[in-house]
Amino acid sequence: MSDWRVFYRDTHDQDRISKAVSSREDALCEAKVLHRDRRAEIYRIEGPAGMIIPKEDVLRWVSENKW
């Protein structure tokens, strides 16, 4: 199982890291919830082997997946 985590800043101006999830898609969905429902500022998603999804790519995905 690979771990993916969302790095973000919450509404209390605290830097946070989400709980680990098992897939890239789950991490993107977590970022969407954090961004839309909890008004968090997303920094990036980090995955296995140092893989990074930058803020711009995450926010583009959030915008394109409004479901």
N, C-alpha and C. Protein backbone atom coordinates (compact mmCIF):
# COMPACT_ATOMS: atom_id res chain seq x y z
N MET A 1 0.85 -1.18 0.00
CA MET A 1 0.00 0.00 0.00
C MET A 1 0.89 1.24 0.00
N SER A 2 0.61 2.19 -0.86
CA SER A 2 1.38 3.42 -0.90
C SER A 2 0.62 4.53 -0.18
N ASP A 3 1.36 5.41 0.45
CA ASP A 3 0.74 6.50 1.19
C ASP A 3 0.79 7.80 0.40
N TRP A 4 -0.34 8.46 0.36
CA TRP A 4 -0.47 9.78 -0.25
C TRP A 4 -0.98 10.72 0.83
N ARG A 5 -0.44 11.94 0.89
CA ARG A 5 -0.84 12.92 1.90
C ARG A 5 -0.99 14.30 1.26
N VAL A 6 -1.97 15.04 1.78
CA VAL A 6 -2.22 16.41 1.33
C VAL A 6 -1.57 17.37 2.33
N PHE A 7 -0.77 18.29 1.82
CA PHE A 7 -0.16 19.33 2.65
C PHE A 7 -0.97 20.60 2.43
N TYR A 8 -1.43 21.22 3.52
CA TYR A 8 -2.33 22.36 3.41
C TYR A 8 -2.24 23.28 4.63
N ARG A 9 -2.87 24.45 4.52
CA ARG A 9 -3.00 25.40 5.62
C ARG A 9 -4.48 25.51 5.95
N ASP A 10 -4.82 25.32 7.23
CA ASP A 10 -6.23 25.33 7.63
C ASP A 10 -6.73 26.75 7.90
N THR A 11 -7.99 26.87 8.29
CA THR A 11 -8.61 28.18 8.52
C THR A 11 -8.07 28.88 9.76
N HIS A 12 -7.34 28.16 10.59
CA HIS A 12 -6.71 28.75 11.78
C HIS A 12 -5.26 29.14 11.50
N ASP A 13 -4.90 29.17 10.21
CA ASP A 13 -3.57 29.57 9.75
C ASP A 13 -2.47 28.62 10.25
N GLN A 14 -2.82 27.34 10.36
CA GLN A 14 -1.88 26.32 10.79
C GLN A 14 -1.55 25.40 9.61
N ASP A 15 -0.28 25.11 9.42
CA ASP A 15 0.11 24.14 8.39
C ASP A 15 -0.24 22.74 8.88
N ARG A 16 -0.81 21.95 8.01
CA ARG A 16 -1.28 20.61 8.36
C ARG A 16 -0.91 19.61 7.28
N ILE A 17 -0.96 18.33 7.65
CA ILE A 17 -0.78 17.23 6.73
C ILE A 17 -1.94 16.28 6.96
N SER A 18 -2.62 15.89 5.90
CA SER A 18 -3.78 15.01 6.04
C SER A 18 -3.36 13.61 6.45
N LYS A 19 -4.34 12.82 6.84
CA LYS A 19 -4.09 11.41 7.10
C LYS A 19 -3.68 10.74 5.80
N ALA A 20 -2.96 9.66 5.91
CA ALA A 20 -2.50 8.94 4.71
C ALA A 20 -3.67 8.22 4.06
N VAL A 21 -3.70 8.28 2.75
CA VAL A 21 -4.68 7.52 1.96
C VAL A 21 -3.92 6.65 0.98
N SER A 22 -4.59 5.69 0.42
CA SER A 22 -3.90 4.65 -0.35
C SER A 22 -3.73 4.93 -1.84
N SER A 23 -4.40 5.96 -2.36
CA SER A 23 -4.29 6.18 -3.80
C SER A 23 -4.23 7.67 -4.14
N ARG A 24 -3.75 7.94 -5.32
CA ARG A 24 -3.67 9.31 -5.84
C ARG A 24 -5.07 9.91 -5.92
N GLU A 25 -6.01 9.15 -6.43
CA GLU A 25 -7.39 9.62 -6.57
C GLU A 25 -8.00 9.97 -5.21
N ASP A 26 -7.76 9.15 -4.19
CA ASP A 26 -8.26 9.44 -2.84
C ASP A 26 -7.64 10.72 -2.30
N ALA A 27 -6.36 10.94 -2.56
CA ALA A 27 -5.70 12.16 -2.11
C ALA A 27 -6.28 13.39 -2.81
N LEU A 28 -6.55 13.28 -4.08
CA LEU A 28 -7.18 14.40 -4.80
C LEU A 28 -8.57 14.69 -4.25
N CYS A 29 -9.33 13.66 -3.95
CA CYS A 29 -10.66 13.84 -3.36
C CYS A 29 -10.56 14.49 -1.98
N GLU A 30 -9.58 14.07 -1.19
CA GLU A 30 -9.35 14.68 0.12
C GLU A 30 -9.00 16.15 -0.03
N ALA A 31 -8.16 16.48 -0.99
CA ALA A 31 -7.80 17.88 -1.25
C ALA A 31 -9.03 18.68 -1.66
N LYS A 32 -9.91 18.09 -2.44
CA LYS A 32 -11.13 18.77 -2.86
C LYS A 32 -12.00 19.11 -1.65
N VAL A 33 -12.16 18.16 -0.75
CA VAL A 33 -12.96 18.40 0.46
C VAL A 33 -12.32 19.48 1.32
N LEU A 34 -11.01 19.39 1.50
CA LEU A 34 -10.32 20.39 2.30
C LEU A 34 -10.46 21.79 1.69
N HIS A 35 -10.29 21.87 0.39
CA HIS A 35 -10.34 23.16 -0.30
C HIS A 35 -11.76 23.75 -0.32
N ARG A 36 -12.72 22.96 -0.69
CA ARG A 36 -14.08 23.46 -0.87
C ARG A 36 -14.86 23.57 0.43
N ASP A 37 -14.85 22.51 1.23
CA ASP A 37 -15.70 22.48 2.41
C ASP A 37 -15.05 23.09 3.64
N ARG A 38 -13.73 22.95 3.75
CA ARG A 38 -13.04 23.44 4.95
C ARG A 38 -12.20 24.68 4.66
N ARG A 39 -12.28 25.21 3.43
CA ARG A 39 -11.61 26.45 3.05
C ARG A 39 -10.11 26.44 3.32
N ALA A 40 -9.48 25.29 3.13
CA ALA A 40 -8.04 25.15 3.34
C ALA A 40 -7.29 25.59 2.09
N GLU A 41 -6.09 26.08 2.29
CA GLU A 41 -5.20 26.40 1.18
C GLU A 41 -4.32 25.17 0.93
N ILE A 42 -4.44 24.60 -0.24
CA ILE A 42 -3.68 23.40 -0.58
C ILE A 42 -2.29 23.81 -1.06
N TYR A 43 -1.26 23.13 -0.53
CA TYR A 43 0.11 23.37 -0.97
C TYR A 43 0.53 22.36 -2.03
N ARG A 44 0.30 21.08 -1.74
CA ARG A 44 0.71 20.00 -2.65
C ARG A 44 0.20 18.68 -2.10
N ILE A 45 0.32 17.65 -2.93
CA ILE A 45 0.09 16.27 -2.50
C ILE A 45 1.40 15.53 -2.70
N GLU A 46 1.79 14.76 -1.71
CA GLU A 46 2.99 13.94 -1.82
C GLU A 46 2.59 12.48 -1.77
N GLY A 47 3.23 11.70 -2.65
CA GLY A 47 2.96 10.29 -2.74
C GLY A 47 4.21 9.45 -2.55
N PRO A 48 4.12 8.19 -2.91
CA PRO A 48 5.26 7.29 -2.72
C PRO A 48 6.44 7.67 -3.61
N ALA A 49 7.62 7.31 -3.18
CA ALA A 49 8.87 7.53 -3.93
C ALA A 49 9.08 9.00 -4.26
N GLY A 50 8.61 9.90 -3.37
CA GLY A 50 8.84 11.32 -3.58
C GLY A 50 7.99 11.98 -4.64
N MET A 51 6.99 11.27 -5.13
CA MET A 51 6.10 11.84 -6.15
C MET A 51 5.34 13.03 -5.57
N ILE A 52 5.28 14.12 -6.33
CA ILE A 52 4.60 15.34 -5.87
C ILE A 52 3.60 15.79 -6.94
N ILE A 53 2.42 16.16 -6.46
CA ILE A 53 1.43 16.82 -7.33
C ILE A 53 1.38 18.26 -6.84
N PRO A 54 1.85 19.22 -7.63
CA PRO A 54 1.90 20.61 -7.19
C PRO A 54 0.52 21.24 -7.05
N LYS A 55 0.48 22.32 -6.29
CA LYS A 55 -0.75 23.05 -6.00
C LYS A 55 -1.56 23.34 -7.27
N GLU A 56 -0.91 23.83 -8.30
CA GLU A 56 -1.62 24.21 -9.53
C GLU A 56 -2.36 23.01 -10.14
N ASP A 57 -1.71 21.86 -10.14
CA ASP A 57 -2.34 20.65 -10.70
C ASP A 57 -3.49 20.17 -9.83
N VAL A 58 -3.32 20.27 -8.52
CA VAL A 58 -4.39 19.87 -7.60
C VAL A 58 -5.60 20.76 -7.81
N LEU A 59 -5.40 22.08 -7.84
CA LEU A 59 -6.52 23.00 -7.99
C LEU A 59 -7.18 22.88 -9.36
N ARG A 60 -6.42 22.58 -10.38
CA ARG A 60 -7.00 22.33 -11.70
C ARG A 60 -7.92 21.11 -11.64
N TRP A 61 -7.45 20.04 -10.99
CA TRP A 61 -8.26 18.82 -10.85
C TRP A 61 -9.53 19.12 -10.07
N VAL A 62 -9.41 19.87 -8.98
CA VAL A 62 -10.59 20.23 -8.16
C VAL A 62 -11.60 20.97 -9.02
N SER A 63 -11.13 21.92 -9.82
CA SER A 63 -12.02 22.70 -10.67
C SER A 63 -12.71 21.85 -11.73
N GLU A 64 -12.00 20.88 -12.26
CA GLU A 64 -12.54 20.02 -13.32
C GLU A 64 -13.45 18.92 -12.78
N ASN A 65 -13.41 18.65 -11.48
CA ASN A 65 -14.19 17.56 -10.88
C ASN A 65 -15.13 18.13 -9.82
N LYS A 66 -16.11 18.84 -10.28
CA LYS A 66 -17.04 19.53 -9.38
C LYS A 66 -18.14 18.64 -8.82
N TRP A 67 -18.10 17.39 -9.12
CA TRP A 67 -19.14 16.49 -8.62
C TRP A 67 -19.05 16.44 -7.17
